[in-house]
Amino acid sequence: MKKQHIILIISVLAIGIMANVVIIMRKVKRNSKNMKISEKGKKFIKDKEGLRLAAYKPLPNDKWTIGYGHTAGVYQGQTITKAQAEAYFDSDIKIYEKPVQDLNVLITQNQYDALVSLCYNIGVGAFKGSALYSKVKANPNDSTIAAEFQKWVHSDGAVVGGLVMRRNEESAMYFA
């Protein structure tokens, strides 16, 4: 066999091994108390929240919101820069990671990211008071957790299409 063929075969094998390592790493379970949101998880939340540099109300009865879903101290007419939006996000994400870390259970990175996304969207109090939180705490592999995501699709009693899609995606991420 020629040297070039051997190098090609070794390269192909190395690429295959690396791809398998990436797949396996996604399935590795770690204790949630030691985890941080991944870049993929941050991007997911930012994509779902959207970036708004001027204060707005997502729904008529919502709080004033700016950046990537930031609500603390936001007022009508407020504007910010993209850099300020990023700073708010970096600060806010830590708030929503804490209750997921406090679960203190073995979960995958995808599960962690999905839970942080849900918490970011519904708030810490609602998240910690949810049946989903209790089920994850008791058994993170409980298949009924999928249905619990769907309980968080309402605003003022009405189903919101965007929330249905987000919950479907969070549930799919959780069970990936």
C-alpha atoms as a PDB file:
ATOM      1  CA  MET A   1       0.000   0.000   0.000  1.00  0.00           C
ATOM      2  CA  LYS A   2       1.250   3.463  -0.811  1.00  0.00           C
ATOM      3  CA  LYS A   3       2.155   5.863   1.976  1.00  0.00           C
ATOM      4  CA  GLN A   4      -0.498   8.333   0.732  1.00  0.00           C
ATOM      5  CA  HIS A   5      -3.231   5.685   0.988  1.00  0.00           C
ATOM      6  CA  ILE A   6      -2.196   4.802   4.532  1.00  0.00           C
ATOM      7  CA  ILE A   7      -2.270   8.490   5.543  1.00  0.00           C
ATOM      8  CA  LEU A   8      -5.700   8.869   3.931  1.00  0.00           C
ATOM      9  CA  ILE A   9      -7.038   5.801   5.771  1.00  0.00           C
ATOM     10  CA  ILE A  10      -5.636   7.043   9.092  1.00  0.00           C
ATOM     11  CA  SER A  11      -7.158  10.493   8.477  1.00  0.00           C
ATOM     12  CA  VAL A  12     -10.577   9.011   7.722  1.00  0.00           C
ATOM     13  CA  LEU A  13     -10.425   6.845  10.844  1.00  0.00           C
ATOM     14  CA  ALA A  14      -9.395   9.837  12.975  1.00  0.00           C
ATOM     15  CA  ILE A  15     -12.309  11.903  11.655  1.00  0.00           C
ATOM     16  CA  GLY A  16     -14.712   9.033  12.416  1.00  0.00           C
ATOM     17  CA  ILE A  17     -13.351   8.668  15.932  1.00  0.00           C
ATOM     18  CA  MET A  18     -13.627  12.420  16.574  1.00  0.00           C
ATOM     19  CA  ALA A  19     -17.244  12.444  15.366  1.00  0.00           C
ATOM     20  CA  ASN A  20     -18.062   9.594  17.747  1.00  0.00           C
ATOM     21  CA  VAL A  21     -16.362  11.402  20.637  1.00  0.00           C
ATOM     22  CA  VAL A  22     -18.523  14.474  19.991  1.00  0.00           C
ATOM     23  CA  ILE A  23     -21.685  12.334  19.959  1.00  0.00           C
ATOM     24  CA  ILE A  24     -20.673  10.552  23.154  1.00  0.00           C
ATOM     25  CA  MET A  25     -19.836  13.851  24.894  1.00  0.00           C
ATOM     26  CA  ARG A  26     -23.375  15.095  24.231  1.00  0.00           C
ATOM     27  CA  LYS A  27     -24.708  12.068  26.104  1.00  0.00           C
ATOM     28  CA  VAL A  28     -22.336  12.291  29.087  1.00  0.00           C
ATOM     29  CA  LYS A  29     -24.195  13.026  32.275  1.00  0.00           C
ATOM     30  CA  ARG A  30     -22.703  15.368  34.831  1.00  0.00           C
ATOM     31  CA  ASN A  31     -23.958  16.807  38.067  1.00  0.00           C
ATOM     32  CA  SER A  32     -26.037  19.878  37.270  1.00  0.00           C
ATOM     33  CA  LYS A  33     -24.509  21.784  40.199  1.00  0.00           C
ATOM     34  CA  ASN A  34     -21.179  21.895  38.302  1.00  0.00           C
ATOM     35  CA  MET A  35     -22.567  22.774  34.867  1.00  0.00           C
ATOM     36  CA  LYS A  36     -22.697  25.956  32.797  1.00  0.00           C
ATOM     37  CA  ILE A  37     -24.816  26.712  29.762  1.00  0.00           C
ATOM     38  CA  SER A  38     -23.148  25.831  26.467  1.00  0.00           C
ATOM     39  CA  GLU A  39     -22.622  28.233  23.575  1.00  0.00           C
ATOM     40  CA  LYS A  40     -25.306  26.248  21.725  1.00  0.00           C
ATOM     41  CA  GLY A  41     -27.686  26.824  24.653  1.00  0.00           C
ATOM     42  CA  LYS A  42     -26.922  30.556  24.736  1.00  0.00           C
ATOM     43  CA  LYS A  43     -27.533  30.822  20.996  1.00  0.00           C
ATOM     44  CA  PHE A  44     -30.826  28.939  21.344  1.00  0.00           C
ATOM     45  CA  ILE A  45     -32.086  31.336  24.026  1.00  0.00           C
ATOM     46  CA  LYS A  46     -30.908  34.413  22.151  1.00  0.00           C
ATOM     47  CA  ASP A  47     -32.576  33.184  18.953  1.00  0.00           C
ATOM     48  CA  LYS A  48     -35.849  32.521  20.768  1.00  0.00           C
ATOM     49  CA  GLU A  49     -35.844  35.781  22.735  1.00  0.00           C
ATOM     50  CA  GLY A  50     -34.689  37.889  19.814  1.00  0.00           C
ATOM     51  CA  LEU A  51     -32.648  41.062  20.158  1.00  0.00           C
ATOM     52  CA  ARG A  52     -34.499  44.319  20.700  1.00  0.00           C
ATOM     53  CA  LEU A  53     -32.537  47.483  21.420  1.00  0.00           C
ATOM     54  CA  ALA A  54     -35.653  49.497  22.357  1.00  0.00           C
ATOM     55  CA  ALA A  55     -37.986  48.629  25.234  1.00  0.00           C
ATOM     56  CA  TYR A  56     -41.143  46.738  24.270  1.00  0.00           C
ATOM     57  CA  LYS A  57     -43.849  44.543  25.754  1.00  0.00           C
ATOM     58  CA  PRO A  58     -43.854  41.039  24.223  1.00  0.00           C
ATOM     59  CA  LEU A  59     -47.545  40.706  25.089  1.00  0.00           C
ATOM     60  CA  PRO A  60     -49.896  43.453  26.318  1.00  0.00           C
ATOM     61  CA  ASN A  61     -49.771  42.410  29.989  1.00  0.00           C
ATOM     62  CA  ASP A  62     -46.024  41.653  30.065  1.00  0.00           C
ATOM     63  CA  LYS A  63     -43.272  43.666  31.716  1.00  0.00           C
ATOM     64  CA  TRP A  64     -41.217  46.095  29.686  1.00  0.00           C
ATOM     65  CA  THR A  65     -38.447  44.086  28.045  1.00  0.00           C
ATOM     66  CA  ILE A  66     -35.201  44.927  26.224  1.00  0.00           C
ATOM     67  CA  GLY A  67     -32.162  43.153  24.799  1.00  0.00           C
ATOM     68  CA  TYR A  68     -32.555  39.372  24.882  1.00  0.00           C
ATOM     69  CA  GLY A  69     -35.586  39.261  27.181  1.00  0.00           C
ATOM     70  CA  HIS A  70     -34.112  41.402  29.972  1.00  0.00           C
ATOM     71  CA  THR A  71     -36.802  42.896  32.250  1.00  0.00           C
ATOM     72  CA  ALA A  72     -35.119  44.230  35.420  1.00  0.00           C
ATOM     73  CA  GLY A  73     -35.451  48.006  35.611  1.00  0.00           C
ATOM     74  CA  VAL A  74     -36.622  48.372  32.010  1.00  0.00           C
ATOM     75  CA  TYR A  75     -38.865  51.350  31.278  1.00  0.00           C
ATOM     76  CA  GLN A  76     -40.929  52.607  28.365  1.00  0.00           C
ATOM     77  CA  GLY A  77     -38.795  54.480  25.838  1.00  0.00           C
ATOM     78  CA  GLN A  78     -35.504  52.947  27.005  1.00  0.00           C
ATOM     79  CA  THR A  79     -32.875  52.096  24.394  1.00  0.00           C
ATOM     80  CA  ILE A  80     -29.582  50.206  24.703  1.00  0.00           C
ATOM     81  CA  THR A  81     -26.638  49.168  22.546  1.00  0.00           C
ATOM     82  CA  LYS A  82     -25.898  45.611  21.396  1.00  0.00           C
ATOM     83  CA  ALA A  83     -22.982  45.567  23.870  1.00  0.00           C
ATOM     84  CA  GLN A  84     -25.377  46.459  26.709  1.00  0.00           C
ATOM     85  CA  ALA A  85     -27.771  43.715  25.542  1.00  0.00           C
ATOM     86  CA  GLU A  86     -24.903  41.198  25.660  1.00  0.00           C
ATOM     87  CA  ALA A  87     -23.922  42.365  29.154  1.00  0.00           C
ATOM     88  CA  TYR A  88     -27.515  42.062  30.369  1.00  0.00           C
ATOM     89  CA  PHE A  89     -27.714  38.566  28.883  1.00  0.00           C
ATOM     90  CA  ASP A  90     -24.439  37.454  30.497  1.00  0.00           C
ATOM     91  CA  SER A  91     -25.672  38.708  33.856  1.00  0.00           C
ATOM     92  CA  ASP A  92     -29.222  37.356  33.480  1.00  0.00           C
ATOM     93  CA  ILE A  93     -28.212  33.866  32.356  1.00  0.00           C
ATOM     94  CA  LYS A  94     -26.484  33.264  35.710  1.00  0.00           C
ATOM     95  CA  ILE A  95     -29.778  33.961  37.497  1.00  0.00           C
ATOM     96  CA  TYR A  96     -31.558  31.309  35.423  1.00  0.00           C
ATOM     97  CA  GLU A  97     -28.752  28.764  35.663  1.00  0.00           C
ATOM     98  CA  LYS A  98     -28.833  28.759  39.480  1.00  0.00           C
ATOM     99  CA  PRO A  99     -32.123  26.837  39.941  1.00  0.00           C
ATOM    100  CA  VAL A 100     -30.999  24.272  37.362  1.00  0.00           C
ATOM    101  CA  GLN A 101     -27.684  23.872  39.168  1.00  0.00           C
ATOM    102  CA  ASP A 102     -29.596  23.551  42.454  1.00  0.00           C
ATOM    103  CA  LEU A 103     -31.393  20.465  41.102  1.00  0.00           C
ATOM    104  CA  ASN A 104     -28.137  18.618  41.870  1.00  0.00           C
ATOM    105  CA  VAL A 105     -28.920  15.732  39.486  1.00  0.00           C
ATOM    106  CA  LEU A 106     -27.018  13.888  36.766  1.00  0.00           C
ATOM    107  CA  ILE A 107     -28.063  15.327  33.394  1.00  0.00           C
ATOM    108  CA  THR A 108     -26.642  15.852  29.911  1.00  0.00           C
ATOM    109  CA  GLN A 109     -25.580  19.214  28.529  1.00  0.00           C
ATOM    110  CA  ASN A 110     -28.669  19.233  26.286  1.00  0.00           C
ATOM    111  CA  GLN A 111     -30.922  18.647  29.294  1.00  0.00           C
ATOM    112  CA  TYR A 112     -29.192  21.428  31.194  1.00  0.00           C
ATOM    113  CA  ASP A 113     -29.497  23.862  28.274  1.00  0.00           C
ATOM    114  CA  ALA A 114     -33.193  23.042  27.755  1.00  0.00           C
ATOM    115  CA  LEU A 115     -33.960  23.593  31.444  1.00  0.00           C
ATOM    116  CA  VAL A 116     -32.084  26.912  31.550  1.00  0.00           C
ATOM    117  CA  SER A 117     -33.991  28.048  28.448  1.00  0.00           C
ATOM    118  CA  LEU A 118     -37.315  27.195  30.060  1.00  0.00           C
ATOM    119  CA  CYS A 119     -36.347  28.929  33.315  1.00  0.00           C
ATOM    120  CA  TYR A 120     -35.139  32.003  31.404  1.00  0.00           C
ATOM    121  CA  ASN A 121     -38.511  32.249  29.694  1.00  0.00           C
ATOM    122  CA  ILE A 122     -40.933  31.491  32.549  1.00  0.00           C
ATOM    123  CA  GLY A 123     -38.921  32.853  35.490  1.00  0.00           C
ATOM    124  CA  VAL A 124     -37.256  31.293  38.508  1.00  0.00           C
ATOM    125  CA  GLY A 125     -40.370  31.157  40.715  1.00  0.00           C
ATOM    126  CA  ALA A 126     -42.532  29.472  38.101  1.00  0.00           C
ATOM    127  CA  PHE A 127     -39.719  27.076  37.189  1.00  0.00           C
ATOM    128  CA  LYS A 128     -38.995  26.008  40.780  1.00  0.00           C
ATOM    129  CA  GLY A 129     -42.717  25.640  41.496  1.00  0.00           C
ATOM    130  CA  SER A 130     -43.404  23.529  38.433  1.00  0.00           C
ATOM    131  CA  ALA A 131     -44.157  19.823  38.228  1.00  0.00           C
ATOM    132  CA  LEU A 132     -41.400  19.669  35.614  1.00  0.00           C
ATOM    133  CA  TYR A 133     -38.854  20.812  38.210  1.00  0.00           C
ATOM    134  CA  SER A 134     -40.088  18.189  40.687  1.00  0.00           C
ATOM    135  CA  LYS A 135     -39.977  15.437  38.076  1.00  0.00           C
ATOM    136  CA  VAL A 136     -36.452  16.318  36.954  1.00  0.00           C
ATOM    137  CA  LYS A 137     -35.352  16.391  40.595  1.00  0.00           C
ATOM    138  CA  ALA A 138     -36.879  12.940  41.195  1.00  0.00           C
ATOM    139  CA  ASN A 139     -35.790  11.312  37.913  1.00  0.00           C
ATOM    140  CA  PRO A 140     -34.288  13.319  35.031  1.00  0.00           C
ATOM    141  CA  ASN A 141     -35.035  10.409  32.659  1.00  0.00           C
ATOM    142  CA  ASP A 142     -38.779  10.362  33.364  1.00  0.00           C
ATOM    143  CA  SER A 143     -40.473  10.360  29.941  1.00  0.00           C
ATOM    144  CA  THR A 144     -43.454  12.335  31.319  1.00  0.00           C
ATOM    145  CA  ILE A 145     -41.190  15.391  31.544  1.00  0.00           C
ATOM    146  CA  ALA A 146     -41.863  15.957  27.828  1.00  0.00           C
ATOM    147  CA  ALA A 147     -45.524  16.714  28.558  1.00  0.00           C
ATOM    148  CA  GLU A 148     -44.530  19.104  31.350  1.00  0.00           C
ATOM    149  CA  PHE A 149     -42.827  21.427  28.872  1.00  0.00           C
ATOM    150  CA  GLN A 150     -46.187  21.825  27.123  1.00  0.00           C
ATOM    151  CA  LYS A 151     -47.816  23.231  30.250  1.00  0.00           C
ATOM    152  CA  TRP A 152     -45.895  26.476  29.677  1.00  0.00           C
ATOM    153  CA  VAL A 153     -47.478  27.681  26.425  1.00  0.00           C
ATOM    154  CA  HIS A 154     -50.134  30.098  27.720  1.00  0.00           C
ATOM    155  CA  SER A 155     -50.407  33.835  28.244  1.00  0.00           C
ATOM    156  CA  ASP A 156     -53.545  35.231  29.844  1.00  0.00           C
ATOM    157  CA  GLY A 157     -55.194  31.825  29.387  1.00  0.00           C
ATOM    158  CA  ALA A 158     -54.596  31.654  25.636  1.00  0.00           C
ATOM    159  CA  VAL A 159     -52.191  29.311  23.855  1.00  0.00           C
ATOM    160  CA  VAL A 160     -49.349  31.254  22.208  1.00  0.00           C
ATOM    161  CA  GLY A 161     -48.031  29.630  19.027  1.00  0.00           C
ATOM    162  CA  GLY A 162     -44.481  30.858  19.561  1.00  0.00           C
ATOM    163  CA  LEU A 163     -44.416  29.298  23.035  1.00  0.00           C
ATOM    164  CA  VAL A 164     -45.713  25.989  21.670  1.00  0.00           C
ATOM    165  CA  MET A 165     -42.838  25.908  19.179  1.00  0.00           C
ATOM    166  CA  ARG A 166     -40.275  26.892  21.814  1.00  0.00           C
ATOM    167  CA  ARG A 167     -41.485  24.223  24.243  1.00  0.00           C
ATOM    168  CA  ASN A 168     -41.410  21.585  21.482  1.00  0.00           C
ATOM    169  CA  GLU A 169     -37.824  22.537  20.720  1.00  0.00           C
ATOM    170  CA  GLU A 170     -36.819  22.591  24.396  1.00  0.00           C
ATOM    171  CA  SER A 171     -38.403  19.184  24.938  1.00  0.00           C
ATOM    172  CA  ALA A 172     -36.643  17.785  21.847  1.00  0.00           C
ATOM    173  CA  MET A 173     -33.349  19.227  23.110  1.00  0.00           C
ATOM    174  CA  TYR A 174     -33.941  17.751  26.567  1.00  0.00           C
ATOM    175  CA  PHE A 175     -34.497  14.243  25.177  1.00  0.00           C
ATOM    176  CA  ALA A 176     -31.835  14.408  22.394  1.00  0.00           C
END
